[in-house]
Amino acid sequence: MKIVNEMKLTFDSHSVNEGFSRAAVAAFAALLDPTVEELSDLRTAVSEAVTNAIVHGYRERLGKIFLTAQITDRGTIRVRVRDNGVGIADIAQARQPLFTTAAGERAGLGFAVMESFTDKVRVRSRVGAGTTVTLEKKIGGKTAAHGGDAG
């Protein structure tokens, strides 16, 4: 797959930035002319990935979240959400529904939600160094728009 368009964002791990990141990815994905359902699914998955970075990656401290979105020549959008937080000791356990490291109201469904709303979820992590979550979703039967024809 060839990357035909890409955007990158870096933002602080304030909870208010979760909505910003979701909206930014949705605006970028609009280049593929997604259905309302496809866009809603993508927004939900991105929201979960960013929320995990904020709540679990940085816990009670402020850090940077790095988000990259790419559109491929096959009409797939790939979103990477990376933090330099605490990392995940056991990725398989963390991906189990209802598992959470945060006390309180957390349901432990973040990865399950990401998996149900995208085609592929990859997680890489190193304790003490952070986590990268990569989401991929095919948008309709469209091939990618190259953009660049503004004017």
N, C-alpha and C. Protein backbone atom coordinates (compact mmCIF):
# COMPACT_ATOMS: atom_id res chain seq x y z
N MET A 1 0.83 -1.19 0.00
CA MET A 1 0.00 0.00 0.00
C MET A 1 0.87 1.25 0.00
N LYS A 2 0.53 2.16 -0.84
CA LYS A 2 1.26 3.41 -0.93
C LYS A 2 0.51 4.50 -0.16
N ILE A 3 1.24 5.31 0.61
CA ILE A 3 0.66 6.44 1.32
C ILE A 3 0.49 7.58 0.33
N VAL A 4 -0.73 8.11 0.21
CA VAL A 4 -0.97 9.21 -0.72
C VAL A 4 -1.24 10.54 -0.02
N ASN A 5 -1.51 10.50 1.28
CA ASN A 5 -1.72 11.73 2.04
C ASN A 5 -1.48 11.43 3.51
N GLU A 6 -0.98 12.44 4.22
CA GLU A 6 -0.64 12.23 5.63
C GLU A 6 -0.79 13.53 6.40
N MET A 7 -1.17 13.39 7.67
CA MET A 7 -1.17 14.53 8.58
C MET A 7 -0.60 14.09 9.91
N LYS A 8 0.00 15.04 10.63
CA LYS A 8 0.57 14.75 11.94
C LYS A 8 0.15 15.84 12.91
N LEU A 9 -0.20 15.43 14.11
CA LEU A 9 -0.55 16.34 15.19
C LEU A 9 0.21 15.96 16.44
N THR A 10 0.58 16.95 17.21
CA THR A 10 1.14 16.72 18.54
C THR A 10 0.36 17.63 19.49
N PHE A 11 -0.12 17.05 20.57
CA PHE A 11 -0.90 17.84 21.52
C PHE A 11 -0.69 17.32 22.94
N ASP A 12 -1.00 18.19 23.91
CA ASP A 12 -0.87 17.83 25.32
C ASP A 12 -1.95 16.82 25.71
N SER A 13 -1.68 16.04 26.71
CA SER A 13 -2.59 14.98 27.15
C SER A 13 -3.71 15.50 28.06
N HIS A 14 -4.20 16.70 27.78
CA HIS A 14 -5.39 17.21 28.46
C HIS A 14 -6.60 16.47 27.91
N SER A 15 -7.55 16.12 28.76
CA SER A 15 -8.72 15.37 28.30
C SER A 15 -9.53 16.13 27.24
N VAL A 16 -9.51 17.46 27.26
CA VAL A 16 -10.27 18.23 26.26
C VAL A 16 -9.71 18.01 24.86
N ASN A 17 -8.48 17.58 24.73
CA ASN A 17 -7.89 17.37 23.42
C ASN A 17 -8.34 16.08 22.74
N GLU A 18 -9.02 15.21 23.48
CA GLU A 18 -9.56 13.99 22.88
C GLU A 18 -10.56 14.35 21.80
N GLY A 19 -11.46 15.28 22.08
CA GLY A 19 -12.45 15.71 21.08
C GLY A 19 -11.81 16.37 19.87
N PHE A 20 -10.77 17.16 20.14
CA PHE A 20 -10.04 17.81 19.05
C PHE A 20 -9.41 16.77 18.12
N SER A 21 -8.77 15.76 18.69
CA SER A 21 -8.10 14.75 17.87
C SER A 21 -9.11 13.96 17.05
N ARG A 22 -10.23 13.65 17.65
CA ARG A 22 -11.29 12.90 16.95
C ARG A 22 -11.82 13.72 15.77
N ALA A 23 -12.04 15.01 15.99
CA ALA A 23 -12.55 15.88 14.92
C ALA A 23 -11.52 16.05 13.81
N ALA A 24 -10.25 16.18 14.18
CA ALA A 24 -9.19 16.35 13.18
C ALA A 24 -9.08 15.12 12.28
N VAL A 25 -9.13 13.93 12.87
CA VAL A 25 -9.05 12.71 12.08
C VAL A 25 -10.28 12.57 11.19
N ALA A 26 -11.44 12.91 11.71
CA ALA A 26 -12.67 12.84 10.92
C ALA A 26 -12.59 13.77 9.71
N ALA A 27 -12.08 14.99 9.92
CA ALA A 27 -11.94 15.94 8.82
C ALA A 27 -10.97 15.41 7.77
N PHE A 28 -9.87 14.80 8.22
CA PHE A 28 -8.89 14.23 7.29
C PHE A 28 -9.50 13.05 6.52
N ALA A 29 -10.23 12.19 7.24
CA ALA A 29 -10.84 11.02 6.61
C ALA A 29 -11.92 11.41 5.60
N ALA A 30 -12.47 12.60 5.73
CA ALA A 30 -13.51 13.06 4.80
C ALA A 30 -13.03 13.08 3.36
N LEU A 31 -11.71 13.12 3.17
CA LEU A 31 -11.14 13.07 1.81
C LEU A 31 -11.53 11.79 1.08
N LEU A 32 -11.85 10.74 1.85
CA LEU A 32 -12.23 9.45 1.26
C LEU A 32 -13.74 9.33 1.05
N ASP A 33 -14.49 10.38 1.37
CA ASP A 33 -15.94 10.38 1.23
C ASP A 33 -16.59 9.21 1.98
N PRO A 34 -16.33 9.12 3.29
CA PRO A 34 -16.88 8.00 4.06
C PRO A 34 -18.38 8.16 4.29
N THR A 35 -19.02 7.04 4.60
CA THR A 35 -20.42 7.10 5.02
C THR A 35 -20.45 7.67 6.44
N VAL A 36 -21.62 8.07 6.88
CA VAL A 36 -21.76 8.57 8.25
C VAL A 36 -21.35 7.50 9.25
N GLU A 37 -21.72 6.26 8.97
CA GLU A 37 -21.37 5.16 9.87
C GLU A 37 -19.86 4.93 9.92
N GLU A 38 -19.20 4.94 8.76
CA GLU A 38 -17.74 4.75 8.72
C GLU A 38 -17.04 5.86 9.51
N LEU A 39 -17.51 7.08 9.34
CA LEU A 39 -16.91 8.21 10.05
C LEU A 39 -17.15 8.10 11.56
N SER A 40 -18.33 7.71 11.94
CA SER A 40 -18.65 7.54 13.35
C SER A 40 -17.79 6.45 13.98
N ASP A 41 -17.63 5.34 13.27
CA ASP A 41 -16.79 4.24 13.76
C ASP A 41 -15.35 4.70 13.97
N LEU A 42 -14.82 5.42 12.98
CA LEU A 42 -13.44 5.90 13.06
C LEU A 42 -13.28 6.87 14.22
N ARG A 43 -14.21 7.79 14.35
CA ARG A 43 -14.15 8.78 15.45
C ARG A 43 -14.15 8.07 16.81
N THR A 44 -14.98 7.05 16.95
CA THR A 44 -15.07 6.32 18.21
C THR A 44 -13.76 5.60 18.52
N ALA A 45 -13.19 4.94 17.53
CA ALA A 45 -11.93 4.22 17.74
C ALA A 45 -10.80 5.18 18.10
N VAL A 46 -10.70 6.30 17.41
CA VAL A 46 -9.67 7.30 17.71
C VAL A 46 -9.87 7.84 19.12
N SER A 47 -11.10 8.11 19.47
CA SER A 47 -11.41 8.60 20.81
C SER A 47 -10.90 7.64 21.88
N GLU A 48 -11.12 6.36 21.68
CA GLU A 48 -10.67 5.35 22.65
C GLU A 48 -9.15 5.31 22.73
N ALA A 49 -8.48 5.36 21.58
CA ALA A 49 -7.01 5.30 21.58
C ALA A 49 -6.41 6.51 22.29
N VAL A 50 -6.93 7.69 22.00
CA VAL A 50 -6.42 8.91 22.63
C VAL A 50 -6.75 8.92 24.12
N THR A 51 -7.95 8.50 24.47
CA THR A 51 -8.33 8.44 25.89
C THR A 51 -7.41 7.48 26.65
N ASN A 52 -7.08 6.35 26.04
CA ASN A 52 -6.15 5.42 26.70
C ASN A 52 -4.80 6.08 26.95
N ALA A 53 -4.30 6.83 25.98
CA ALA A 53 -3.01 7.52 26.15
C ALA A 53 -3.10 8.52 27.30
N ILE A 54 -4.19 9.26 27.37
CA ILE A 54 -4.36 10.27 28.41
C ILE A 54 -4.50 9.63 29.78
N VAL A 55 -5.43 8.68 29.90
CA VAL A 55 -5.78 8.10 31.20
C VAL A 55 -4.75 7.09 31.70
N HIS A 56 -4.32 6.21 30.80
CA HIS A 56 -3.42 5.13 31.22
C HIS A 56 -1.95 5.44 30.94
N GLY A 57 -1.67 6.05 29.80
CA GLY A 57 -0.28 6.33 29.44
C GLY A 57 0.37 7.34 30.36
N TYR A 58 -0.34 8.42 30.60
CA TYR A 58 0.24 9.49 31.41
C TYR A 58 -0.33 9.56 32.82
N ARG A 59 -1.37 8.79 33.07
CA ARG A 59 -2.01 8.72 34.38
C ARG A 59 -2.24 10.12 34.93
N GLU A 60 -1.57 10.50 35.97
CA GLU A 60 -1.84 11.78 36.62
C GLU A 60 -0.86 12.88 36.23
N ARG A 61 -0.17 12.70 35.12
CA ARG A 61 0.78 13.75 34.71
C ARG A 61 0.51 14.15 33.26
N LEU A 62 1.06 15.29 32.89
CA LEU A 62 0.88 15.82 31.55
C LEU A 62 2.00 15.31 30.64
N GLY A 63 1.64 14.97 29.42
CA GLY A 63 2.64 14.53 28.44
C GLY A 63 2.16 14.88 27.05
N LYS A 64 2.91 14.50 26.06
CA LYS A 64 2.57 14.75 24.66
C LYS A 64 1.97 13.50 24.04
N ILE A 65 0.98 13.72 23.18
CA ILE A 65 0.40 12.65 22.38
C ILE A 65 0.71 12.99 20.92
N PHE A 66 1.18 11.98 20.20
CA PHE A 66 1.58 12.14 18.80
C PHE A 66 0.59 11.34 17.96
N LEU A 67 -0.11 12.01 17.07
CA LEU A 67 -1.11 11.36 16.23
C LEU A 67 -0.72 11.55 14.77
N THR A 68 -0.70 10.45 14.04
CA THR A 68 -0.44 10.48 12.61
C THR A 68 -1.59 9.79 11.92
N ALA A 69 -2.11 10.40 10.86
CA ALA A 69 -3.15 9.77 10.05
C ALA A 69 -2.65 9.72 8.62
N GLN A 70 -2.83 8.57 8.00
CA GLN A 70 -2.38 8.37 6.62
C GLN A 70 -3.52 7.78 5.80
N ILE A 71 -3.60 8.21 4.56
CA ILE A 71 -4.54 7.63 3.61
C ILE A 71 -3.72 6.88 2.57
N THR A 72 -4.14 5.65 2.28
CA THR A 72 -3.41 4.83 1.31
C THR A 72 -4.11 4.87 -0.05
N ASP A 73 -3.39 4.38 -1.04
CA ASP A 73 -3.95 4.31 -2.39
C ASP A 73 -5.07 3.29 -2.51
N ARG A 74 -5.31 2.52 -1.48
CA ARG A 74 -6.39 1.53 -1.48
C ARG A 74 -7.61 1.99 -0.68
N GLY A 75 -7.63 3.26 -0.30
CA GLY A 75 -8.78 3.80 0.41
C GLY A 75 -8.85 3.40 1.87
N THR A 76 -7.70 3.11 2.45
CA THR A 76 -7.63 2.77 3.87
C THR A 76 -7.07 3.97 4.62
N ILE A 77 -7.61 4.22 5.80
CA ILE A 77 -7.03 5.23 6.67
C ILE A 77 -6.33 4.50 7.81
N ARG A 78 -5.12 4.94 8.09
CA ARG A 78 -4.30 4.37 9.17
C ARG A 78 -4.04 5.50 10.15
N VAL A 79 -4.37 5.27 11.42
CA VAL A 79 -4.18 6.28 12.46
C VAL A 79 -3.27 5.68 13.54
N ARG A 80 -2.19 6.40 13.83
CA ARG A 80 -1.30 5.99 14.92
C ARG A 80 -1.41 7.00 16.05
N VAL A 81 -1.60 6.48 17.25
CA VAL A 81 -1.64 7.30 18.46
C VAL A 81 -0.51 6.81 19.35
N ARG A 82 0.44 7.72 19.62
CA ARG A 82 1.63 7.34 20.39
C ARG A 82 1.77 8.24 21.60
N ASP A 83 2.17 7.63 22.70
CA ASP A 83 2.52 8.41 23.90
C ASP A 83 3.88 7.94 24.40
N ASN A 84 4.48 8.75 25.24
CA ASN A 84 5.75 8.39 25.89
C ASN A 84 5.52 8.13 27.37
N GLY A 85 4.39 7.52 27.66
CA GLY A 85 3.97 7.29 29.04
C GLY A 85 4.56 6.05 29.67
N VAL A 86 3.75 5.46 30.57
CA VAL A 86 4.24 4.36 31.41
C VAL A 86 4.38 3.04 30.66
N GLY A 87 3.71 2.90 29.53
CA GLY A 87 3.78 1.65 28.78
C GLY A 87 2.85 0.60 29.34
N ILE A 88 2.74 -0.50 28.63
CA ILE A 88 1.87 -1.61 29.01
C ILE A 88 2.73 -2.84 29.27
N ALA A 89 2.64 -3.38 30.46
CA ALA A 89 3.45 -4.54 30.82
C ALA A 89 2.99 -5.81 30.10
N ASP A 90 1.68 -6.00 29.97
CA ASP A 90 1.13 -7.21 29.37
C ASP A 90 0.05 -6.79 28.36
N ILE A 91 0.42 -6.68 27.09
CA ILE A 91 -0.50 -6.21 26.06
C ILE A 91 -1.69 -7.16 25.90
N ALA A 92 -1.45 -8.45 25.94
CA ALA A 92 -2.54 -9.42 25.79
C ALA A 92 -3.57 -9.24 26.90
N GLN A 93 -3.12 -9.04 28.12
CA GLN A 93 -4.04 -8.81 29.23
C GLN A 93 -4.78 -7.48 29.06
N ALA A 94 -4.06 -6.45 28.64
CA ALA A 94 -4.67 -5.13 28.47
C ALA A 94 -5.75 -5.15 27.40
N ARG A 95 -5.64 -6.05 26.43
CA ARG A 95 -6.62 -6.12 25.34
C ARG A 95 -7.85 -6.93 25.72
N GLN A 96 -7.84 -7.55 26.89
CA GLN A 96 -8.99 -8.32 27.33
C GLN A 96 -10.12 -7.39 27.78
N PRO A 97 -11.36 -7.65 27.32
CA PRO A 97 -12.48 -6.83 27.76
C PRO A 97 -12.60 -6.83 29.29
N LEU A 98 -12.91 -5.68 29.83
CA LEU A 98 -13.11 -5.41 31.26
C LEU A 98 -11.82 -5.25 32.05
N PHE A 99 -10.66 -5.44 31.44
CA PHE A 99 -9.41 -5.20 32.16
C PHE A 99 -9.10 -3.71 32.13
N THR A 100 -8.75 -3.16 33.29
CA THR A 100 -8.36 -1.75 33.37
C THR A 100 -7.32 -1.57 34.47
N THR A 101 -6.45 -0.60 34.28
CA THR A 101 -5.48 -0.26 35.31
C THR A 101 -5.91 1.00 36.06
N ALA A 102 -7.01 1.59 35.64
CA ALA A 102 -7.49 2.82 36.27
C ALA A 102 -8.66 2.50 37.18
N ALA A 103 -8.60 3.02 38.37
CA ALA A 103 -9.69 2.82 39.33
C ALA A 103 -10.85 3.74 38.95
N GLY A 104 -12.01 3.44 39.52
CA GLY A 104 -13.14 4.33 39.31
C GLY A 104 -14.10 3.84 38.26
N GLU A 105 -14.49 4.74 37.37
CA GLU A 105 -15.56 4.47 36.42
C GLU A 105 -15.11 3.80 35.13
N ARG A 106 -13.87 3.47 34.96
CA ARG A 106 -13.37 2.90 33.72
C ARG A 106 -13.93 1.50 33.51
N ALA A 107 -14.41 1.22 32.29
CA ALA A 107 -15.05 -0.07 31.99
C ALA A 107 -14.07 -1.10 31.47
N GLY A 108 -12.89 -0.68 31.00
CA GLY A 108 -11.93 -1.63 30.47
C GLY A 108 -12.32 -2.16 29.10
N LEU A 109 -13.00 -1.34 28.32
CA LEU A 109 -13.45 -1.79 27.00
C LEU A 109 -12.76 -1.07 25.84
N GLY A 110 -11.76 -0.26 26.12
CA GLY A 110 -11.11 0.55 25.09
C GLY A 110 -10.63 -0.23 23.90
N PHE A 111 -9.82 -1.27 24.11
CA PHE A 111 -9.31 -2.04 22.98
C PHE A 111 -10.42 -2.81 22.28
N ALA A 112 -11.38 -3.33 23.04
CA ALA A 112 -12.50 -4.05 22.43
C ALA A 112 -13.31 -3.12 21.52
N VAL A 113 -13.49 -1.88 21.95
CA VAL A 113 -14.20 -0.90 21.14
C VAL A 113 -13.40 -0.60 19.87
N MET A 114 -12.09 -0.36 20.03
CA MET A 114 -11.25 -0.08 18.87
C MET A 114 -11.32 -1.22 17.86
N GLU A 115 -11.27 -2.46 18.35
CA GLU A 115 -11.30 -3.62 17.46
C GLU A 115 -12.64 -3.77 16.77
N SER A 116 -13.72 -3.41 17.44
CA SER A 116 -15.04 -3.58 16.83
C SER A 116 -15.35 -2.50 15.79
N PHE A 117 -14.67 -1.36 15.85
CA PHE A 117 -14.96 -0.26 14.94
C PHE A 117 -13.92 -0.06 13.83
N THR A 118 -12.87 -0.86 13.82
CA THR A 118 -11.85 -0.77 12.78
C THR A 118 -11.59 -2.16 12.21
N ASP A 119 -10.79 -2.20 11.16
CA ASP A 119 -10.45 -3.48 10.54
C ASP A 119 -9.23 -4.14 11.18
N LYS A 120 -8.35 -3.31 11.74
CA LYS A 120 -7.12 -3.85 12.32
C LYS A 120 -6.65 -2.92 13.44
N VAL A 121 -6.20 -3.52 14.54
CA VAL A 121 -5.62 -2.78 15.66
C VAL A 121 -4.30 -3.44 16.02
N ARG A 122 -3.23 -2.65 16.03
CA ARG A 122 -1.93 -3.14 16.48
C ARG A 122 -1.50 -2.31 17.68
N VAL A 123 -0.88 -2.97 18.64
CA VAL A 123 -0.41 -2.29 19.85
C VAL A 123 1.04 -2.68 20.07
N ARG A 124 1.87 -1.65 20.23
CA ARG A 124 3.27 -1.85 20.60
C ARG A 124 3.53 -1.01 21.83
N SER A 125 4.26 -1.59 22.77
CA SER A 125 4.50 -0.87 24.01
C SER A 125 5.76 -1.36 24.69
N ARG A 126 6.36 -0.46 25.43
CA ARG A 126 7.52 -0.81 26.26
C ARG A 126 7.33 -0.10 27.59
N VAL A 127 7.40 -0.86 28.67
CA VAL A 127 7.22 -0.30 30.00
C VAL A 127 8.23 0.83 30.21
N GLY A 128 7.71 1.96 30.65
CA GLY A 128 8.54 3.13 30.91
C GLY A 128 8.86 3.96 29.69
N ALA A 129 8.46 3.50 28.50
CA ALA A 129 8.80 4.22 27.27
C ALA A 129 7.57 4.62 26.44
N GLY A 130 6.42 4.04 26.72
CA GLY A 130 5.22 4.46 26.01
C GLY A 130 4.59 3.38 25.15
N THR A 131 3.52 3.79 24.49
CA THR A 131 2.68 2.88 23.71
C THR A 131 2.31 3.52 22.39
N THR A 132 2.24 2.69 21.36
CA THR A 132 1.73 3.12 20.05
C THR A 132 0.58 2.20 19.67
N VAL A 133 -0.57 2.79 19.39
CA VAL A 133 -1.73 2.05 18.91
C VAL A 133 -1.95 2.46 17.46
N THR A 134 -2.03 1.47 16.58
CA THR A 134 -2.28 1.73 15.16
C THR A 134 -3.63 1.15 14.79
N LEU A 135 -4.48 2.00 14.23
CA LEU A 135 -5.82 1.63 13.79
C LEU A 135 -5.86 1.69 12.28
N GLU A 136 -6.49 0.72 11.64
CA GLU A 136 -6.69 0.77 10.19
C GLU A 136 -8.14 0.51 9.87
N LYS A 137 -8.66 1.30 8.94
CA LYS A 137 -10.05 1.13 8.51
C LYS A 137 -10.16 1.41 7.03
N LYS A 138 -10.75 0.48 6.31
CA LYS A 138 -11.04 0.65 4.88
C LYS A 138 -12.31 1.48 4.79
N ILE A 139 -12.27 2.49 3.96
CA ILE A 139 -13.43 3.36 3.78
C ILE A 139 -14.08 3.02 2.45
N GLY A 140 -15.27 2.46 2.50
CA GLY A 140 -16.05 2.13 1.30
C GLY A 140 -15.23 1.41 0.25
N GLY A 141 -15.58 1.61 -0.98
CA GLY A 141 -14.85 1.03 -2.07
C GLY A 141 -14.03 2.06 -2.81
N LYS A 142 -13.83 3.18 -2.17
CA LYS A 142 -13.16 4.31 -2.81
C LYS A 142 -11.65 4.10 -2.87
N THR A 143 -11.06 4.67 -3.89
CA THR A 143 -9.61 4.79 -3.90
C THR A 143 -9.30 6.18 -3.41
N ALA A 144 -8.13 6.37 -2.93
CA ALA A 144 -7.78 7.61 -2.22
C ALA A 144 -7.74 8.82 -3.14
N ALA A 145 -8.17 9.93 -2.58
CA ALA A 145 -8.01 11.23 -3.24
C ALA A 145 -6.62 11.74 -2.90
N HIS A 146 -5.97 12.31 -3.86
CA HIS A 146 -4.60 12.81 -3.63
C HIS A 146 -4.59 14.22 -3.07
N GLY A 147 -5.67 14.92 -3.15
CA GLY A 147 -5.67 16.29 -2.66
C GLY A 147 -4.77 17.14 -3.53
N GLY A 148 -4.44 18.31 -3.05
CA GLY A 148 -3.51 19.16 -3.76
C GLY A 148 -4.14 19.93 -4.90
N ASP A 149 -5.48 19.78 -5.10
CA ASP A 149 -6.11 20.52 -6.17
C ASP A 149 -6.91 21.70 -5.65
N ALA A 150 -6.45 22.25 -4.54
CA ALA A 150 -7.12 23.45 -4.00
C ALA A 150 -6.79 24.64 -4.89
N GLY A 151 -7.69 25.57 -4.92
CA GLY A 151 -7.34 26.74 -5.72
C GLY A 151 -8.45 27.62 -6.05
